[in-house]
Protein backbone atom coordinates (compact mmCIF):
# COMPACT_ATOMS: atom_id res chain seq x y z
CA MET A 1 182.30 77.40 42.18
CA GLU A 2 180.38 75.96 39.25
CA ALA A 3 181.78 76.85 35.81
CA VAL A 4 179.93 79.09 33.55
CA THR A 5 179.30 78.11 29.97
CA SER A 6 178.40 79.76 26.78
CA SER A 7 174.79 78.74 27.26
CA ARG A 8 174.89 79.73 30.99
CA PRO A 9 177.13 82.69 31.33
CA TYR A 10 176.10 83.73 34.80
CA HIS A 11 176.41 82.22 38.21
CA ILE A 12 173.62 84.37 39.63
CA VAL A 13 170.77 86.18 37.95
CA ILE A 14 168.76 88.69 40.20
CA PHE A 15 165.17 88.84 39.24
CA GLY A 16 163.26 91.88 40.35
CA ALA A 17 166.47 93.88 40.62
CA SER A 18 164.60 97.16 40.09
CA GLY A 19 162.25 96.62 43.25
CA PHE A 20 162.96 98.19 46.56
CA THR A 21 164.54 95.15 48.15
CA GLY A 22 166.19 94.18 44.78
CA LYS A 23 168.27 97.18 44.64
CA PHE A 24 169.79 96.23 48.13
CA VAL A 25 170.45 92.60 46.65
CA VAL A 26 172.26 94.03 43.72
CA GLU A 27 174.55 96.17 46.00
CA GLU A 28 175.25 93.13 47.97
CA VAL A 29 176.07 90.91 45.08
CA ALA A 30 178.21 93.55 43.64
CA ARG A 31 180.28 93.85 46.79
CA TYR A 32 180.81 90.06 46.96
CA ALA A 33 181.70 89.82 43.13
CA ALA A 34 184.26 92.68 43.59
CA ASP A 35 186.00 90.62 46.20
CA SER A 36 185.99 87.26 44.31
CA THR A 37 188.96 86.48 42.09
CA GLY A 38 190.27 83.56 39.92
CA ASP A 39 188.34 80.26 40.04
CA ASN A 40 186.02 81.80 42.72
CA CYS A 41 185.06 84.80 40.42
CA LEU A 42 181.51 85.46 40.42
CA THR A 43 179.60 86.45 37.17
CA TRP A 44 176.12 87.87 37.63
CA ALA A 45 173.29 89.64 35.89
CA VAL A 46 170.03 91.47 36.66
CA ALA A 47 166.53 90.82 35.35
CA GLY A 48 163.40 92.90 35.75
CA ARG A 49 159.66 92.73 35.24
CA SER A 50 157.54 95.33 33.55
CA ARG A 51 154.62 96.78 35.49
CA GLN A 52 152.41 95.70 32.66
CA ARG A 53 153.58 92.07 33.12
CA LEU A 54 153.32 91.48 36.89
CA LYS A 55 152.26 87.87 36.35
CA PHE A 56 155.85 87.00 35.41
CA TYR A 57 156.85 86.30 39.11
CA GLY A 58 156.35 83.70 41.90
CA GLU A 59 155.26 80.34 40.46
CA PRO A 60 156.15 81.04 36.80
CA VAL A 61 159.67 81.88 37.75
CA VAL A 62 159.83 78.66 39.93
CA ALA A 63 158.29 76.63 36.93
CA SER A 64 160.81 78.11 34.48
CA CYS A 65 163.78 77.57 36.73
CA VAL A 66 162.85 73.82 37.23
CA GLU A 67 162.17 73.50 33.57
CA ASN A 68 165.52 74.95 32.54
CA GLY A 69 167.72 73.55 35.17
CA ALA A 70 168.45 76.84 37.15
CA HIS A 71 168.48 76.83 40.94
CA TYR A 72 166.06 79.06 42.62
CA ILE A 73 166.31 81.10 45.98
CA ASP A 74 164.00 83.67 47.18
CA ILE A 75 163.16 85.67 50.39
CA CYS A 76 159.47 84.99 50.13
CA GLY A 77 157.91 84.66 53.63
CA GLU A 78 154.36 83.57 52.82
CA PRO A 79 153.76 79.89 53.90
CA GLN A 80 150.96 79.25 51.33
CA PHE A 81 153.30 80.09 48.57
CA LEU A 82 156.25 78.24 50.05
CA GLU A 83 154.47 75.07 50.89
CA ARG A 84 152.50 74.98 47.59
CA MET A 85 155.67 75.03 45.66
CA GLN A 86 156.97 72.11 47.70
CA LEU A 87 153.68 70.28 46.96
CA GLU A 88 153.65 70.90 43.33
CA TYR A 89 157.29 71.11 42.25
CA HIS A 90 159.42 69.00 44.73
CA THR A 91 159.35 65.79 42.48
CA LYS A 92 159.92 67.80 39.26
CA ALA A 93 162.97 69.67 40.75
CA MET A 94 164.36 66.41 42.10
CA GLU A 95 164.10 64.85 38.56
CA ARG A 96 165.74 67.99 37.02
CA GLY A 97 168.49 68.20 39.80
CA VAL A 98 167.31 71.70 40.61
CA TYR A 99 167.31 73.26 44.19
CA VAL A 100 164.41 75.47 44.95
CA ILE A 101 164.85 77.07 48.40
CA GLY A 102 162.42 79.58 49.71
CA SER A 103 162.57 81.93 52.92
CA CYS A 104 166.27 82.78 52.41
CA GLY A 105 166.02 86.24 54.06
CA PHE A 106 165.34 87.32 57.52
CA ASP A 107 162.27 85.09 57.15
CA SER A 108 163.66 82.47 57.76
CA ILE A 109 167.26 81.89 57.84
CA PRO A 110 168.07 83.31 61.33
CA ALA A 111 165.32 81.24 63.04
CA ASP A 112 165.87 77.95 60.97
CA LEU A 113 169.63 77.96 61.21
CA GLY A 114 169.33 79.20 64.67
CA ILE A 115 167.50 76.15 65.68
CA LEU A 116 170.13 73.97 64.17
CA TYR A 117 172.92 75.97 65.71
CA THR A 118 171.22 75.56 69.13
CA GLN A 119 170.76 71.82 68.51
CA SER A 120 174.28 71.29 67.59
CA HIS A 121 175.60 72.98 70.73
CA PHE A 122 173.23 71.12 73.13
CA LYS A 123 174.96 68.27 74.91
CA GLY A 124 172.12 65.72 74.77
CA THR A 125 168.60 65.42 73.18
CA LEU A 126 167.08 68.98 72.50
CA THR A 127 163.21 68.69 72.56
CA ALA A 128 161.77 72.17 72.66
CA VAL A 129 162.80 75.75 71.87
CA GLU A 130 161.14 79.27 72.32
CA SER A 131 162.58 82.04 70.37
CA PHE A 132 162.16 85.79 71.14
CA LEU A 133 162.71 88.44 68.53
CA THR A 134 163.56 91.92 69.46
CA ILE A 135 164.30 94.77 67.01
CA SER A 136 166.26 97.86 68.12
CA SER A 137 166.22 101.12 66.32
CA GLY A 138 167.50 104.60 66.52
CA PRO A 139 165.73 107.96 67.34
CA GLU A 140 163.91 107.84 64.05
CA GLY A 141 162.41 104.51 64.62
CA SER A 142 162.15 101.65 62.02
CA CYS A 143 159.93 101.17 59.00
CA GLY A 144 159.16 98.55 56.48
CA HIS A 145 158.40 98.92 52.78
CA ASP A 146 154.90 98.71 51.29
CA ALA A 147 155.72 95.42 49.57
CA THR A 148 156.07 93.59 52.84
CA TRP A 149 152.86 95.01 54.16
CA GLN A 150 150.97 94.08 51.02
CA SER A 151 152.21 90.46 51.36
CA ALA A 152 151.05 90.44 54.95
CA VAL A 153 147.57 91.67 53.84
CA HIS A 154 147.20 89.10 51.20
CA GLY A 155 148.68 86.27 53.12
CA PHE A 156 146.15 86.74 56.09
CA ALA A 157 143.33 87.18 53.63
CA ASP A 158 144.20 83.60 52.17
CA SER A 159 144.99 81.96 55.51
CA SER A 160 142.09 79.49 55.27
CA ALA A 161 143.48 78.18 52.00
CA LEU A 162 146.76 77.22 53.78
CA CYS A 163 144.78 74.59 56.04
CA LYS A 164 143.38 73.08 52.76
CA LEU A 165 146.78 72.86 51.16
CA ARG A 166 148.39 71.18 54.16
CA ARG A 167 145.84 68.47 54.22
CA LYS A 168 147.00 67.53 50.70
CA PHE A 169 150.35 66.47 52.06
CA GLY A 170 148.83 63.74 54.15
CA HIS A 171 151.38 64.19 56.94
CA LYS A 172 151.13 62.45 60.15
CA PRO A 173 152.01 64.45 63.31
CA LEU A 174 155.62 64.43 64.23
CA PRO A 175 156.32 62.28 67.42
CA LEU A 176 156.47 64.19 70.65
CA VAL A 177 159.77 63.73 72.39
CA GLY A 178 159.88 64.73 76.13
CA THR A 179 157.45 67.14 77.89
CA LYS A 180 154.80 68.81 75.65
CA VAL A 181 155.27 72.57 75.53
CA ARG A 182 152.26 74.52 75.34
CA PRO A 183 152.16 77.99 73.35
CA ARG A 184 151.93 81.09 75.56
CA GLY A 185 148.98 83.39 75.32
CA PHE A 186 148.25 86.05 72.66
CA VAL A 187 149.82 88.84 74.75
CA PHE A 188 152.06 88.12 77.79
CA PHE A 189 154.92 89.74 79.80
CA SER A 190 158.18 87.93 78.99
CA LYS A 191 160.66 87.59 81.63
CA GLU A 192 163.20 86.35 79.07
CA ILE A 193 163.29 89.81 77.19
CA VAL A 194 161.79 91.92 80.04
CA GLN A 195 158.70 93.22 77.87
CA TYR A 196 155.45 92.21 76.46
CA ALA A 197 155.49 89.79 73.66
CA ILE A 198 153.13 88.29 71.14
CA PRO A 199 153.42 85.10 68.79
CA PHE A 200 155.40 85.73 65.63
CA MET A 201 153.12 85.95 62.80
CA GLY A 202 155.58 85.32 59.98
CA SER A 203 156.80 82.18 58.45
CA ASP A 204 159.32 81.07 60.91
CA PRO A 205 157.16 78.54 62.64
CA SER A 206 155.98 77.00 59.45
CA VAL A 207 159.52 76.80 58.00
CA VAL A 208 161.19 75.43 61.18
CA LYS A 209 158.30 72.60 61.34
CA ARG A 210 158.97 71.59 57.64
CA THR A 211 162.85 71.48 58.44
CA GLN A 212 162.23 69.33 61.63
CA ARG A 213 159.87 67.02 59.52
CA PHE A 214 162.61 66.70 56.85
CA LEU A 215 165.37 66.02 59.43
CA TYR A 216 163.23 63.42 61.24
CA GLN A 217 162.10 61.57 58.05
CA GLU A 218 165.44 61.69 56.31
CA GLU A 219 168.02 61.58 58.97
CA ARG A 220 166.00 60.25 62.07
CA ARG A 221 166.73 63.33 63.99
CA SER A 222 164.66 63.86 67.16
CA PRO A 223 162.10 66.56 66.12
CA ILE A 224 162.08 69.87 68.36
CA GLN A 225 158.88 71.56 69.30
CA TYR A 226 159.14 75.17 68.42
CA PHE A 227 157.36 78.35 69.36
CA ALA A 228 158.30 81.80 68.07
CA TYR A 229 157.50 85.04 69.76
CA VAL A 230 158.30 88.80 69.22
CA GLY A 231 158.67 91.62 71.77
CA VAL A 232 156.29 94.56 71.32
CA GLY A 233 157.45 96.83 74.29
CA GLY A 234 155.39 98.30 77.06
CA LEU A 235 151.73 98.56 77.86
CA CYS A 236 151.26 101.54 75.51
CA SER A 237 152.62 99.55 72.50
CA VAL A 238 150.24 96.63 73.70
CA ALA A 239 147.21 98.96 73.53
CA LYS A 240 148.29 100.26 69.99
CA LEU A 241 148.90 96.81 68.79
CA PHE A 242 145.42 95.50 70.00
CA CYS A 243 143.64 98.31 68.20
CA GLY A 244 145.53 98.17 65.05
CA GLY A 245 145.48 94.41 65.06
CA LEU A 246 141.71 94.37 65.56
CA LEU A 247 141.22 96.76 62.74
CA PHE A 248 143.46 94.87 60.54
CA TRP A 249 141.77 91.46 61.11
CA ILE A 250 138.24 93.05 60.34
CA LEU A 251 139.38 94.84 57.15
CA VAL A 252 141.48 91.86 55.81
CA LYS A 253 138.36 89.95 55.49
CA PHE A 254 136.82 91.95 52.77
CA GLY A 255 137.90 93.23 49.33
CA MET A 256 137.18 97.07 50.15
CA GLY A 257 139.00 96.53 53.48
CA ARG A 258 142.14 95.17 51.78
CA LYS A 259 142.01 97.93 49.33
CA LEU A 260 142.18 100.55 52.22
CA LEU A 261 144.88 98.57 53.95
CA THR A 262 147.11 98.50 50.79
CA THR A 263 146.39 102.06 49.82
CA PHE A 264 147.09 103.59 53.24
CA PRO A 265 149.91 101.50 54.69
CA ARG A 266 151.41 103.95 57.03
CA PHE A 267 148.09 104.92 58.58
CA PHE A 268 146.82 101.56 59.27
CA SER A 269 150.15 100.17 60.52
CA PHE A 270 150.74 103.12 62.76
CA GLY A 271 153.76 104.08 60.61
CA LEU A 272 155.39 100.66 60.76
CA PHE A 273 155.19 100.48 56.98
CA SER A 274 155.01 102.92 54.21
CA LYS A 275 155.18 103.18 50.42
CA ALA A 276 158.48 105.01 50.62
CA GLY A 277 160.07 102.40 52.81
CA PRO A 278 162.80 103.11 55.49
CA THR A 279 165.40 105.95 55.18
CA ILE A 280 169.10 105.20 55.06
CA LYS A 281 169.35 106.53 58.61
CA GLN A 282 166.72 104.23 59.90
CA ILE A 283 168.35 101.19 58.33
CA GLU A 284 171.63 102.09 59.72
CA ASP A 285 170.33 102.50 63.17
CA THR A 286 168.27 99.27 63.30
CA CYS A 287 169.26 95.82 64.24
CA PHE A 288 167.76 92.43 65.46
CA ASN A 289 168.36 89.87 68.13
CA ILE A 290 166.79 86.46 68.21
CA THR A 291 167.29 84.78 71.42
CA PHE A 292 166.54 80.83 71.65
CA PHE A 293 165.69 79.14 75.00
CA GLY A 294 165.92 75.43 74.73
CA GLU A 295 165.36 72.51 76.94
CA GLY A 296 165.90 68.82 76.77
CA TYR A 297 167.66 65.89 78.24
CA SER A 298 171.55 65.63 78.97
CA GLU A 299 173.55 62.95 77.43
CA GLY A 300 172.63 59.39 78.87
CA THR A 301 169.19 60.59 79.94
CA ASP A 302 166.20 58.85 78.69
CA PRO A 303 163.47 61.32 77.44
CA LEU A 304 160.82 58.88 78.52
CA GLN A 305 161.86 58.83 82.15
CA GLY A 306 160.87 62.26 83.42
CA PRO A 307 160.90 66.10 82.65
CA PRO A 308 163.72 67.85 80.81
CA ASN A 309 166.89 68.26 82.97
CA ALA A 310 169.09 70.51 80.70
CA LYS A 311 168.68 73.95 79.24
CA ILE A 312 170.42 75.97 76.74
CA CYS A 313 170.36 79.64 75.44
CA THR A 314 171.69 80.79 72.16
CA GLU A 315 171.22 83.98 70.10
CA VAL A 316 171.43 85.28 66.49
CA MET A 317 172.20 88.86 66.04
CA GLY A 318 172.46 90.93 62.98
CA ALA A 319 171.93 94.43 61.30
CA GLU A 320 168.53 95.76 60.05
CA PRO A 321 166.55 92.64 59.18
CA GLY A 322 164.49 93.67 56.13
CA TYR A 323 166.98 95.20 53.82
CA VAL A 324 170.42 94.44 55.22
CA ALA A 325 170.43 91.04 56.98
CA THR A 326 167.85 89.65 54.38
CA VAL A 327 170.13 90.49 51.45
CA ILE A 328 173.17 89.12 53.11
CA ALA A 329 171.55 85.95 53.94
CA MET A 330 170.10 85.48 50.55
CA VAL A 331 173.35 86.21 48.73
CA GLN A 332 175.26 83.84 51.01
CA ALA A 333 172.65 81.18 50.37
CA ALA A 334 173.19 81.46 46.69
CA VAL A 335 176.89 81.32 47.08
CA THR A 336 176.51 78.10 49.20
CA VAL A 337 174.46 76.56 46.64
CA LEU A 338 177.07 77.36 43.97
CA LYS A 339 180.05 76.20 46.12
CA GLU A 340 178.71 73.41 48.25
CA ARG A 341 176.44 71.44 46.09
CA HIS A 342 177.99 68.27 47.39
CA SER A 343 176.66 69.12 50.90
CA LEU A 344 172.93 69.58 49.73
CA PRO A 345 170.43 66.93 50.04
CA ARG A 346 169.83 64.45 47.27
CA ARG A 347 169.86 65.57 43.79
CA GLY A 348 167.51 68.47 44.06
CA GLY A 349 164.00 69.50 45.22
CA VAL A 350 162.01 72.08 47.07
CA TYR A 351 163.58 72.69 50.53
CA THR A 352 163.66 75.05 53.50
CA PRO A 353 166.83 76.71 54.48
CA GLY A 354 167.53 74.30 57.37
CA SER A 355 166.78 71.26 55.15
CA ALA A 356 169.10 72.37 52.33
CA PHE A 357 171.85 73.81 54.34
CA ASN A 358 172.17 71.93 57.49
CA LYS A 359 175.42 70.27 56.31
CA THR A 360 176.83 73.35 54.68
CA ASN A 361 179.12 76.14 55.97
CA LEU A 362 176.38 78.69 55.58
CA ILE A 363 176.39 79.69 59.23
CA ASP A 364 180.20 80.46 58.80
CA ARG A 365 179.57 82.41 55.75
CA LEU A 366 177.00 84.48 57.55
CA HIS A 367 179.35 84.96 60.47
CA ASN A 368 181.85 86.37 58.08
CA HIS A 369 179.30 88.91 56.77
CA GLY A 370 177.94 90.62 59.84
CA PHE A 371 175.76 87.91 61.47
CA LYS A 372 176.58 86.52 64.99
CA PHE A 373 175.67 83.11 66.29
CA SER A 374 176.65 82.58 69.86
CA VAL A 375 175.81 80.44 72.94
CA ARG A 376 174.86 82.50 76.05
CA ASN A 377 174.60 81.63 79.85
CA TYR A 378 171.08 80.68 80.30
CA GLU A 379 170.65 82.86 83.49
CA GLU A 380 172.09 85.79 81.78
CA PRO A 381 169.63 88.74 81.65
CA ALA A 382 168.47 89.83 78.22
CA LYS A 383 170.38 92.63 76.54
CA PRO A 384 168.42 95.87 76.44
């Protein structure tokens, strides 16, 4: 653990501690600090933002951390923000020795580290992975907070800017190793999870691809093709999703439509999001499972000589994703930065979780705090 000083008296400062998710983060940090002793004793503080000064968040916080030499970790799941921070602050962060690591919550630590876990247990060259997310809840169902819904609304509204942003990087396509895997349809029945599924609309594909690019460029690892999906249930759920998705897609294109979406989240999300957020009972009864189905080439097999000849199935399981798994992942990511800087890349920079933590013990830390990473028999039927 890095030592505190008179000018830096805290290991961790939680910004936005009074927000809905921030309160859960504070509780998790308090639990961890209560168990830390001696040289591992964690000192921490909270910080908030006034409603009248909402522009003190996001990029200004990143800029302030980089300028003042403080590492930055967040749970943002918006590709536009994450990739823009990399474009604009990576070099500055490297020069200052500061680590800026986004998506350290449910978006996207389970997916990004799950891919690395799968790769580490594959005996040969892993070339492609499909992941399937399922969320199980109790009789009261599950619910997300309005803040997550608003992020989705504004993220989709600004999706065209993401294409322009990516062109600024000037990246060449990653090399294709093995057989090209094509994405599945918009809605399809998945035999893997025995329900209908759709492409996952969150940041996981973007984050994983950035990690794969980093590992290919910096460590010459073979890049993995990745496609993420989420289970939506039966035909009734598909019909509801189609109607709600079509309405969302129309409204999000216009200012008045976005106003309606953000003003009435429960109505337009069919109860999946609300301004009040989930109840404690809903949180306690909800859990997630991400199953990874990978294919590649066994040891000694040349990927240029034919189709893949080996498969692997792994899974990552955990508690309620939005406000339990997310805060555990974020806190353990912060602890890892404090305790394992020697295992982080270079001297600093803007990184994905997989890029930053691939040589650390973060997966073990998550294991010790409620997550479960495991290898499964490929033919084993999915759990209900």
